Protein backbone atom coordinates (compact mmCIF):
# COMPACT_ATOMS: atom_id res chain seq x y z
CA MET A 1 137.03 -19.97 -34.56
CA HIS A 2 133.31 -19.22 -34.72
CA PHE A 3 130.86 -21.93 -34.77
CA GLU A 4 127.18 -21.29 -36.24
CA PRO A 5 124.42 -22.60 -33.89
CA GLN A 6 122.76 -25.68 -35.26
CA ARG A 7 119.04 -24.92 -36.77
CA SER A 8 116.53 -26.87 -36.26
CA GLY A 9 113.04 -26.48 -38.57
CA TYR A 10 111.56 -23.92 -36.90
CA GLU A 11 112.70 -21.27 -37.01
CA GLY A 12 111.23 -18.84 -34.78
CA GLY A 13 108.48 -18.08 -37.38
CA ALA A 14 104.66 -18.87 -37.04
CA GLY A 15 105.37 -22.11 -38.96
CA ARG A 16 108.00 -23.55 -41.43
CA ARG A 17 109.37 -23.06 -44.75
CA ASP A 18 109.39 -25.03 -47.72
CA ALA A 19 111.69 -25.68 -50.56
CA GLN A 20 111.38 -22.38 -51.96
CA GLY A 21 111.27 -20.48 -48.87
CA ALA A 22 107.84 -19.80 -48.56
CA LEU A 23 106.32 -20.18 -45.21
CA TYR A 24 103.33 -22.31 -44.48
CA MET A 25 101.46 -23.10 -40.69
CA ALA A 26 102.61 -26.77 -39.79
CA ARG A 27 100.92 -29.19 -37.96
CA MET A 28 101.17 -28.50 -34.34
CA HIS A 29 101.72 -32.17 -32.68
CA SER A 30 102.50 -34.17 -35.20
CA PRO A 31 105.64 -34.43 -37.11
CA GLY A 32 103.77 -33.72 -40.70
CA ARG A 33 104.30 -30.95 -42.38
CA GLY A 34 100.84 -29.06 -42.41
CA LYS A 35 99.94 -28.95 -46.08
CA SER A 36 97.03 -30.09 -47.60
CA GLY A 37 96.70 -32.79 -51.00
CA SER A 38 94.25 -31.10 -52.54
CA THR A 39 94.06 -27.30 -53.91
CA LYS A 40 91.56 -25.37 -55.77
CA PRO A 41 91.57 -24.69 -59.32
CA LEU A 42 92.54 -21.72 -60.32
CA VAL A 43 89.80 -19.23 -61.76
CA ASP A 44 89.06 -15.87 -62.42
CA LYS A 45 85.25 -15.80 -62.58
CA ALA A 46 82.04 -18.04 -61.79
CA PRO A 47 81.33 -20.98 -64.54
CA GLU A 48 78.31 -19.83 -66.32
CA TRP A 49 75.98 -22.30 -64.68
CA SER A 50 76.82 -21.19 -61.53
CA ASN A 51 74.37 -18.30 -59.48
CA THR A 52 76.17 -15.04 -60.33
CA ASP A 53 73.44 -12.79 -58.91
CA SER A 54 75.59 -10.88 -56.17
CA LYS A 55 72.47 -9.63 -54.19
CA GLU A 56 70.68 -12.65 -54.47
CA VAL A 57 74.06 -14.70 -52.80
CA THR A 58 74.28 -12.13 -50.37
CA GLU A 59 70.64 -12.04 -49.29
CA LEU A 60 70.81 -15.80 -49.29
CA ILE A 61 73.92 -15.59 -47.30
CA LEU A 62 72.33 -12.94 -44.58
CA SER A 63 69.00 -15.65 -44.31
CA LEU A 64 71.07 -18.50 -43.48
CA ALA A 65 72.68 -16.53 -41.20
CA ALA A 66 69.82 -15.50 -39.05
CA ASP A 67 69.07 -19.60 -39.16
CA GLY A 68 71.67 -20.02 -37.44
CA HIS A 69 74.63 -21.35 -39.61
CA THR A 70 77.99 -20.95 -39.31
CA PRO A 71 79.83 -19.52 -42.20
CA THR A 72 81.17 -23.15 -43.45
CA ALA A 73 77.72 -24.63 -43.40
CA ILE A 74 76.48 -21.56 -45.55
CA GLY A 75 79.44 -22.25 -48.36
CA THR A 76 78.24 -25.98 -48.46
CA ILE A 77 74.29 -24.81 -48.45
CA LEU A 78 74.60 -22.48 -51.02
CA ARG A 79 77.07 -25.17 -53.09
CA ASP A 80 75.22 -27.66 -52.72
CA GLN A 81 71.28 -26.81 -52.78
CA HIS A 82 71.47 -22.75 -54.36
CA ALA A 83 74.19 -23.48 -57.42
CA VAL A 84 77.27 -21.31 -55.77
CA PRO A 85 80.33 -23.06 -56.25
CA ASP A 86 82.63 -20.25 -54.58
CA VAL A 87 81.02 -17.42 -53.30
CA ARG A 88 84.54 -15.44 -53.59
CA LEU A 89 84.46 -15.72 -57.15
CA VAL A 90 80.79 -14.46 -57.54
CA LEU A 91 80.90 -11.34 -54.50
CA GLY A 92 84.70 -10.72 -54.44
CA LYS A 93 84.84 -11.76 -50.75
CA ARG A 94 83.63 -14.14 -48.25
CA ILE A 95 81.55 -15.29 -46.35
CA GLY A 96 82.81 -13.98 -43.17
CA GLN A 97 83.21 -10.74 -44.41
CA VAL A 98 79.81 -10.39 -46.15
CA LEU A 99 78.51 -11.53 -42.11
CA ALA A 100 81.07 -8.74 -40.83
CA GLU A 101 79.64 -5.80 -42.94
CA ASN A 102 76.20 -6.66 -41.60
CA ASP A 103 77.64 -7.42 -37.99
CA ILE A 104 76.12 -11.01 -37.72
CA THR A 105 79.55 -12.08 -36.46
CA GLY A 106 79.64 -14.77 -33.32
CA LYS A 107 81.28 -13.66 -30.12
CA TYR A 108 83.68 -16.46 -31.09
CA PRO A 109 85.73 -17.33 -34.12
CA GLU A 110 84.34 -20.65 -36.25
CA ASP A 111 87.47 -22.31 -35.24
CA LEU A 112 88.00 -21.63 -32.06
CA MET A 113 84.46 -22.32 -31.09
CA SER A 114 84.43 -25.92 -32.84
CA LEU A 115 87.77 -26.45 -30.95
CA MET A 116 85.82 -25.78 -28.07
CA ARG A 117 82.93 -27.88 -28.75
CA ARG A 118 86.01 -31.11 -29.32
CA ALA A 119 86.74 -30.33 -25.83
CA LEU A 120 83.82 -30.57 -24.23
CA ARG A 121 82.73 -33.73 -26.34
CA LEU A 122 86.10 -35.03 -24.72
CA ILE A 123 85.25 -34.09 -21.35
CA ASP A 124 82.05 -35.51 -21.30
CA HIS A 125 83.36 -38.84 -22.68
CA LEU A 126 86.39 -38.83 -20.04
CA GLU A 127 83.39 -38.22 -17.02
CA SER A 128 82.32 -42.11 -17.71
CA ASN A 129 85.44 -43.20 -19.25
CA ARG A 130 88.36 -42.87 -16.71
CA LYS A 131 91.10 -44.47 -17.89
CA ASP A 132 90.37 -43.46 -21.10
CA ARG A 133 94.32 -41.97 -21.95
CA HIS A 134 94.42 -41.83 -25.43
CA ASN A 135 91.32 -39.49 -25.44
CA SER A 136 93.16 -37.85 -22.28
CA ARG A 137 95.76 -36.86 -24.38
CA GLN A 138 93.62 -35.65 -27.10
CA LEU A 139 91.78 -33.45 -24.55
CA GLU A 140 95.17 -32.18 -23.57
CA LEU A 141 96.05 -31.35 -27.22
CA THR A 142 92.95 -29.88 -28.28
CA GLU A 143 92.88 -27.44 -25.07
CA SER A 144 96.89 -26.40 -26.52
CA LYS A 145 95.18 -25.83 -29.40
CA ILE A 146 92.44 -23.73 -28.49
CA ARG A 147 95.06 -21.63 -26.02
CA ARG A 148 97.21 -21.61 -29.33
CA LEU A 149 94.52 -19.79 -31.44
CA SER A 150 93.11 -18.08 -28.78
CA ARG A 151 96.39 -15.95 -28.02
CA TYR A 152 96.61 -14.91 -31.92
CA TYR A 153 93.24 -14.07 -31.90
CA LYS A 154 94.16 -11.53 -29.06
CA ASP A 155 96.93 -10.29 -31.14
CA GLN A 156 94.54 -9.57 -34.08
CA GLY A 157 91.86 -7.46 -31.95
CA GLN A 158 89.48 -10.03 -32.41
CA MET A 159 88.78 -11.11 -29.08
CA ASP A 160 89.33 -9.72 -25.78
CA SER A 161 92.67 -9.76 -24.40
CA ASP A 162 91.94 -10.65 -21.14
CA TRP A 163 89.77 -13.59 -22.06
CA MET A 164 91.65 -17.26 -20.87
CA TYR A 165 90.46 -20.96 -21.52
CA LYS A 166 89.26 -22.49 -18.60
CA ARG A 167 87.78 -26.00 -18.46
CA GLU A 168 84.82 -25.14 -15.56
CA GLN A 169 83.48 -22.39 -17.89
CA LEU A 170 83.84 -24.14 -21.26
CA ARG A 171 79.87 -25.50 -21.16
CA LEU A 172 78.82 -21.83 -20.60
CA LEU A 173 80.75 -20.38 -23.65
CA VAL A 174 79.79 -23.04 -25.61
CA GLU A 175 75.73 -23.45 -25.01
């Protein structure tokens, strides 16, 4: 007799599969499925009322990046102040791609940097609240996410392959 090994929900890929077999990323430290509750409407062109001048939008992106804004903040500013609801509909590419073409990218990806900032805030909190077990656990989970994400970026060639997360050097990296 031959028995099939029992399979878990995680089948060796980068995430889980939905009912149709599509692979999607799951939550790391909770039992949730990891799918957002909202989806963007399916549109293929910018609305009539929006700013669709691609040269002007590109200049705005570059000037906001020169002021020190992150790609996420640039997208929010363009949406709220300059009537550009979706840069990809106007330019055909993302804000990060525009910045990469003009060599205005940061040393570390934005999502990794935000995780490092969160870890730094937790470390500062734990220095004055040593017995805070909940935040101590959150720091462990955040550091785990940093290691996992850095491994991904190393594999993609977006970070140095010899970079390692070290709690002692975190303050120097973020500031």
